[in-house]
Amino acid sequence: MSYLTQRPADKGKVLTLALQETLFVVAWTALAGALFLPLTRLWMFSMLPAALIAIHFLTA
């Protein structure tokens, strides 16, 4: 379709699409947060020894 033959977008459709996209992103973010929250503490405690080892070898 040529740019010159396009019609302006309907505001209702644009708002509906924006709301759907926003809810999609929020839902996937919530799902990812629920799945990875139990691993957060494990990740934090595993980063501390890694940081200490890296500091040891970088300063030696």
PDB file of N, CA and C in Angstrom:
ATOM      1  N   MET A   1       0.853  -1.182   0.000  1.00  0.00           N
ATOM      2  CA  MET A   1       0.000   0.000   0.000  1.00  0.00           C
ATOM      3  C   MET A   1       0.896   1.241   0.000  1.00  0.00           C
ATOM      4  N   SER A   2       0.587   2.157  -0.836  1.00  0.00           N
ATOM      5  CA  SER A   2       1.334   3.403  -0.951  1.00  0.00           C
ATOM      6  C   SER A   2       1.098   4.277   0.277  1.00  0.00           C
ATOM      7  N   TYR A   3       2.096   5.047   0.614  1.00  0.00           N
ATOM      8  CA  TYR A   3       1.966   5.950   1.758  1.00  0.00           C
ATOM      9  C   TYR A   3       0.866   6.974   1.527  1.00  0.00           C
ATOM     10  N   LEU A   4       0.690   7.393   0.300  1.00  0.00           N
ATOM     11  CA  LEU A   4      -0.297   8.421  -0.006  1.00  0.00           C
ATOM     12  C   LEU A   4      -1.725   7.899   0.065  1.00  0.00           C
ATOM     13  N   THR A   5      -1.920   6.582  -0.036  1.00  0.00           N
ATOM     14  CA  THR A   5      -3.276   6.038   0.004  1.00  0.00           C
ATOM     15  C   THR A   5      -3.669   5.554   1.402  1.00  0.00           C
ATOM     16  N   GLN A   6      -2.773   5.672   2.361  1.00  0.00           N
ATOM     17  CA  GLN A   6      -3.105   5.217   3.716  1.00  0.00           C
ATOM     18  C   GLN A   6      -4.028   6.215   4.397  1.00  0.00           C
ATOM     19  N   ARG A   7      -4.899   5.669   5.252  1.00  0.00           N
ATOM     20  CA  ARG A   7      -5.802   6.513   6.016  1.00  0.00           C
ATOM     21  C   ARG A   7      -5.261   6.676   7.435  1.00  0.00           C
ATOM     22  N   PRO A   8      -5.638   7.743   8.132  1.00  0.00           N
ATOM     23  CA  PRO A   8      -5.199   7.909   9.524  1.00  0.00           C
ATOM     24  C   PRO A   8      -5.704   6.754  10.394  1.00  0.00           C
ATOM     25  N   ALA A   9      -4.939   6.430  11.397  1.00  0.00           N
ATOM     26  CA  ALA A   9      -5.313   5.337  12.292  1.00  0.00           C
ATOM     27  C   ALA A   9      -6.487   5.745  13.170  1.00  0.00           C
ATOM     28  N   ASP A  10      -7.323   4.779  13.482  1.00  0.00           N
ATOM     29  CA  ASP A  10      -8.450   5.003  14.377  1.00  0.00           C
ATOM     30  C   ASP A  10      -7.919   5.066  15.811  1.00  0.00           C
ATOM     31  N   LYS A  11      -8.275   6.118  16.554  1.00  0.00           N
ATOM     32  CA  LYS A  11      -7.743   6.301  17.908  1.00  0.00           C
ATOM     33  C   LYS A  11      -8.106   5.144  18.821  1.00  0.00           C
ATOM     34  N   GLY A  12      -9.302   4.618  18.672  1.00  0.00           N
ATOM     35  CA  GLY A  12      -9.728   3.499  19.515  1.00  0.00           C
ATOM     36  C   GLY A  12      -8.871   2.260  19.294  1.00  0.00           C
ATOM     37  N   LYS A  13      -8.565   1.981  18.031  1.00  0.00           N
ATOM     38  CA  LYS A  13      -7.738   0.812  17.721  1.00  0.00           C
ATOM     39  C   LYS A  13      -6.312   1.001  18.227  1.00  0.00           C
ATOM     40  N   VAL A  14      -5.811   2.229  18.109  1.00  0.00           N
ATOM     41  CA  VAL A  14      -4.452   2.510  18.579  1.00  0.00           C
ATOM     42  C   VAL A  14      -4.373   2.340  20.093  1.00  0.00           C
ATOM     43  N   LEU A  15      -5.355   2.861  20.817  1.00  0.00           N
ATOM     44  CA  LEU A  15      -5.360   2.728  22.276  1.00  0.00           C
ATOM     45  C   LEU A  15      -5.519   1.275  22.702  1.00  0.00           C
ATOM     46  N   THR A  16      -6.362   0.527  22.003  1.00  0.00           N
ATOM     47  CA  THR A  16      -6.541  -0.891  22.316  1.00  0.00           C
ATOM     48  C   THR A  16      -5.249  -1.660  22.104  1.00  0.00           C
ATOM     49  N   LEU A  17      -4.583  -1.398  21.002  1.00  0.00           N
ATOM     50  CA  LEU A  17      -3.317  -2.077  20.723  1.00  0.00           C
ATOM     51  C   LEU A  17      -2.258  -1.703  21.752  1.00  0.00           C
ATOM     52  N   ALA A  18      -2.189  -0.430  22.123  1.00  0.00           N
ATOM     53  CA  ALA A  18      -1.215   0.009  23.124  1.00  0.00           C
ATOM     54  C   ALA A  18      -1.479  -0.667  24.465  1.00  0.00           C
ATOM     55  N   LEU A  19      -2.747  -0.785  24.849  1.00  0.00           N
ATOM     56  CA  LEU A  19      -3.093  -1.444  26.107  1.00  0.00           C
ATOM     57  C   LEU A  19      -2.754  -2.925  26.059  1.00  0.00           C
ATOM     58  N   GLN A  20      -3.042  -3.573  24.944  1.00  0.00           N
ATOM     59  CA  GLN A  20      -2.713  -4.995  24.802  1.00  0.00           C
ATOM     60  C   GLN A  20      -1.209  -5.222  24.881  1.00  0.00           C
ATOM     61  N   GLU A  21      -0.439  -4.383  24.218  1.00  0.00           N
ATOM     62  CA  GLU A  21       1.019  -4.528  24.243  1.00  0.00           C
ATOM     63  C   GLU A  21       1.551  -4.305  25.656  1.00  0.00           C
ATOM     64  N   THR A  22       1.009  -3.309  26.356  1.00  0.00           N
ATOM     65  CA  THR A  22       1.452  -3.027  27.717  1.00  0.00           C
ATOM     66  C   THR A  22       1.137  -4.191  28.642  1.00  0.00           C
ATOM     67  N   LEU A  23      -0.068  -4.733  28.550  1.00  0.00           N
ATOM     68  CA  LEU A  23      -0.439  -5.866  29.394  1.00  0.00           C
ATOM     69  C   LEU A  23       0.396  -7.097  29.067  1.00  0.00           C
ATOM     70  N   PHE A  24       0.739  -7.287  27.807  1.00  0.00           N
ATOM     71  CA  PHE A  24       1.587  -8.403  27.395  1.00  0.00           C
ATOM     72  C   PHE A  24       2.961  -8.304  28.058  1.00  0.00           C
ATOM     73  N   VAL A  25       3.543  -7.121  28.010  1.00  0.00           N
ATOM     74  CA  VAL A  25       4.870  -6.925  28.612  1.00  0.00           C
ATOM     75  C   VAL A  25       4.802  -7.084  30.123  1.00  0.00           C
ATOM     76  N   VAL A  26       3.781  -6.532  30.759  1.00  0.00           N
ATOM     77  CA  VAL A  26       3.644  -6.647  32.216  1.00  0.00           C
ATOM     78  C   VAL A  26       3.453  -8.102  32.622  1.00  0.00           C
ATOM     79  N   ALA A  27       2.646  -8.845  31.874  1.00  0.00           N
ATOM     80  CA  ALA A  27       2.397 -10.250  32.210  1.00  0.00           C
ATOM     81  C   ALA A  27       3.670 -11.083  32.079  1.00  0.00           C
ATOM     82  N   TRP A  28       4.424 -10.906  31.007  1.00  0.00           N
ATOM     83  CA  TRP A  28       5.666 -11.666  30.843  1.00  0.00           C
ATOM     84  C   TRP A  28       6.701 -11.271  31.884  1.00  0.00           C
ATOM     85  N   THR A  29       6.743  -9.989  32.257  1.00  0.00           N
ATOM     86  CA  THR A  29       7.670  -9.542  33.294  1.00  0.00           C
ATOM     87  C   THR A  29       7.306 -10.157  34.634  1.00  0.00           C
ATOM     88  N   ALA A  30       6.021 -10.210  34.949  1.00  0.00           N
ATOM     89  CA  ALA A  30       5.586 -10.818  36.201  1.00  0.00           C
ATOM     90  C   ALA A  30       5.898 -12.310  36.222  1.00  0.00           C
ATOM     91  N   LEU A  31       5.690 -12.979  35.102  1.00  0.00           N
ATOM     92  CA  LEU A  31       6.001 -14.404  35.031  1.00  0.00           C
ATOM     93  C   LEU A  31       7.494 -14.649  35.211  1.00  0.00           C
ATOM     94  N   ALA A  32       8.305 -13.855  34.542  1.00  0.00           N
ATOM     95  CA  ALA A  32       9.756 -14.014  34.682  1.00  0.00           C
ATOM     96  C   ALA A  32      10.191 -13.718  36.111  1.00  0.00           C
ATOM     97  N   GLY A  33       9.610 -12.709  36.727  1.00  0.00           N
ATOM     98  CA  GLY A  33       9.944 -12.395  38.114  1.00  0.00           C
ATOM     99  C   GLY A  33       9.558 -13.518  39.054  1.00  0.00           C
ATOM    100  N   ALA A  34       8.404 -14.117  38.834  1.00  0.00           N
ATOM    101  CA  ALA A  34       7.963 -15.219  39.694  1.00  0.00           C
ATOM    102  C   ALA A  34       8.848 -16.446  39.521  1.00  0.00           C
ATOM    103  N   LEU A  35       9.344 -16.668  38.305  1.00  0.00           N
ATOM    104  CA  LEU A  35      10.195 -17.833  38.064  1.00  0.00           C
ATOM    105  C   LEU A  35      11.605 -17.634  38.607  1.00  0.00           C
ATOM    106  N   PHE A  36      12.136 -16.421  38.487  1.00  0.00           N
ATOM    107  CA  PHE A  36      13.535 -16.193  38.845  1.00  0.00           C
ATOM    108  C   PHE A  36      13.731 -15.656  40.255  1.00  0.00           C
ATOM    109  N   LEU A  37      12.653 -15.284  40.942  1.00  0.00           N
ATOM    110  CA  LEU A  37      12.803 -14.760  42.297  1.00  0.00           C
ATOM    111  C   LEU A  37      13.462 -15.759  43.242  1.00  0.00           C
ATOM    112  N   PRO A  38      13.110 -17.050  43.208  1.00  0.00           N
ATOM    113  CA  PRO A  38      13.794 -17.986  44.106  1.00  0.00           C
ATOM    114  C   PRO A  38      15.286 -18.113  43.811  1.00  0.00           C
ATOM    115  N   LEU A  39      15.710 -17.817  42.594  1.00  0.00           N
ATOM    116  CA  LEU A  39      17.118 -17.938  42.233  1.00  0.00           C
ATOM    117  C   LEU A  39      17.920 -16.685  42.566  1.00  0.00           C
ATOM    118  N   THR A  40      17.240 -15.606  42.962  1.00  0.00           N
ATOM    119  CA  THR A  40      17.932 -14.345  43.196  1.00  0.00           C
ATOM    120  C   THR A  40      18.928 -14.463  44.341  1.00  0.00           C
ATOM    121  N   ARG A  41      18.514 -15.070  45.445  1.00  0.00           N
ATOM    122  CA  ARG A  41      19.400 -15.205  46.598  1.00  0.00           C
ATOM    123  C   ARG A  41      20.597 -16.078  46.242  1.00  0.00           C
ATOM    124  N   LEU A  42      20.352 -17.149  45.520  1.00  0.00           N
ATOM    125  CA  LEU A  42      21.439 -18.024  45.087  1.00  0.00           C
ATOM    126  C   LEU A  42      22.403 -17.268  44.185  1.00  0.00           C
ATOM    127  N   TRP A  43      21.867 -16.441  43.304  1.00  0.00           N
ATOM    128  CA  TRP A  43      22.719 -15.675  42.403  1.00  0.00           C
ATOM    129  C   TRP A  43      23.574 -14.681  43.180  1.00  0.00           C
ATOM    130  N   MET A  44      22.968 -14.001  44.160  1.00  0.00           N
ATOM    131  CA  MET A  44      23.723 -13.014  44.929  1.00  0.00           C
ATOM    132  C   MET A  44      24.844 -13.675  45.719  1.00  0.00           C
ATOM    133  N   PHE A  45      24.558 -14.818  46.336  1.00  0.00           N
ATOM    134  CA  PHE A  45      25.583 -15.484  47.129  1.00  0.00           C
ATOM    135  C   PHE A  45      26.649 -16.126  46.250  1.00  0.00           C
ATOM    136  N   SER A  46      26.327 -16.452  45.021  1.00  0.00           N
ATOM    137  CA  SER A  46      27.344 -17.016  44.139  1.00  0.00           C
ATOM    138  C   SER A  46      28.210 -15.918  43.533  1.00  0.00           C
ATOM    139  N   MET A  47      27.709 -14.686  43.490  1.00  0.00           N
ATOM    140  CA  MET A  47      28.505 -13.589  42.947  1.00  0.00           C
ATOM    141  C   MET A  47      29.593 -13.151  43.916  1.00  0.00           C
ATOM    142  N   LEU A  48      29.359 -13.267  45.219  1.00  0.00           N
ATOM    143  CA  LEU A  48      30.343 -12.815  46.201  1.00  0.00           C
ATOM    144  C   LEU A  48      31.655 -13.592  46.094  1.00  0.00           C
ATOM    145  N   PRO A  49      31.648 -14.929  46.127  1.00  0.00           N
ATOM    146  CA  PRO A  49      32.920 -15.643  45.961  1.00  0.00           C
ATOM    147  C   PRO A  49      33.579 -15.365  44.611  1.00  0.00           C
ATOM    148  N   ALA A  50      32.779 -15.235  43.566  1.00  0.00           N
ATOM    149  CA  ALA A  50      33.347 -14.948  42.245  1.00  0.00           C
ATOM    150  C   ALA A  50      34.039 -13.589  42.248  1.00  0.00           C
ATOM    151  N   ALA A  51      33.436 -12.610  42.886  1.00  0.00           N
ATOM    152  CA  ALA A  51      34.051 -11.282  42.960  1.00  0.00           C
ATOM    153  C   ALA A  51      35.335 -11.325  43.776  1.00  0.00           C
ATOM    154  N   LEU A  52      35.330 -12.042  44.890  1.00  0.00           N
ATOM    155  CA  LEU A  52      36.534 -12.140  45.718  1.00  0.00           C
ATOM    156  C   LEU A  52      37.668 -12.836  44.973  1.00  0.00           C
ATOM    157  N   ILE A  53      37.355 -13.892  44.261  1.00  0.00           N
ATOM    158  CA  ILE A  53      38.382 -14.600  43.486  1.00  0.00           C
ATOM    159  C   ILE A  53      38.928 -13.691  42.381  1.00  0.00           C
ATOM    160  N   ALA A  54      38.042 -12.962  41.715  1.00  0.00           N
ATOM    161  CA  ALA A  54      38.485 -12.053  40.656  1.00  0.00           C
ATOM    162  C   ALA A  54      39.382 -10.958  41.222  1.00  0.00           C
ATOM    163  N   ILE A  55      39.009 -10.392  42.366  1.00  0.00           N
ATOM    164  CA  ILE A  55      39.834  -9.352  42.995  1.00  0.00           C
ATOM    165  C   ILE A  55      41.190  -9.923  43.383  1.00  0.00           C
ATOM    166  N   HIS A  56      41.198 -11.122  43.923  1.00  0.00           N
ATOM    167  CA  HIS A  56      42.458 -11.761  44.327  1.00  0.00           C
ATOM    168  C   HIS A  56      43.402 -11.911  43.135  1.00  0.00           C
ATOM    169  N   PHE A  57      42.890 -12.401  42.021  1.00  0.00           N
ATOM    170  CA  PHE A  57      43.761 -12.630  40.869  1.00  0.00           C
ATOM    171  C   PHE A  57      44.118 -11.333  40.142  1.00  0.00           C
ATOM    172  N   LEU A  58      43.242 -10.337  40.198  1.00  0.00           N
ATOM    173  CA  LEU A  58      43.555  -9.077  39.535  1.00  0.00           C
ATOM    174  C   LEU A  58      44.579  -8.255  40.307  1.00  0.00           C
ATOM    175  N   THR A  59      44.607  -8.407  41.622  1.00  0.00           N
ATOM    176  CA  THR A  59      45.551  -7.633  42.434  1.00  0.00           C
ATOM    177  C   THR A  59      46.840  -8.389  42.703  1.00  0.00           C
ATOM    178  N   ALA A  60      46.909  -9.656  42.351  1.00  0.00           N
ATOM    179  CA  ALA A  60      48.124 -10.447  42.632  1.00  0.00           C
ATOM    180  C   ALA A  60      49.186 -10.203  41.589  1.00  0.00           C
TER     181      ALA A  60
END
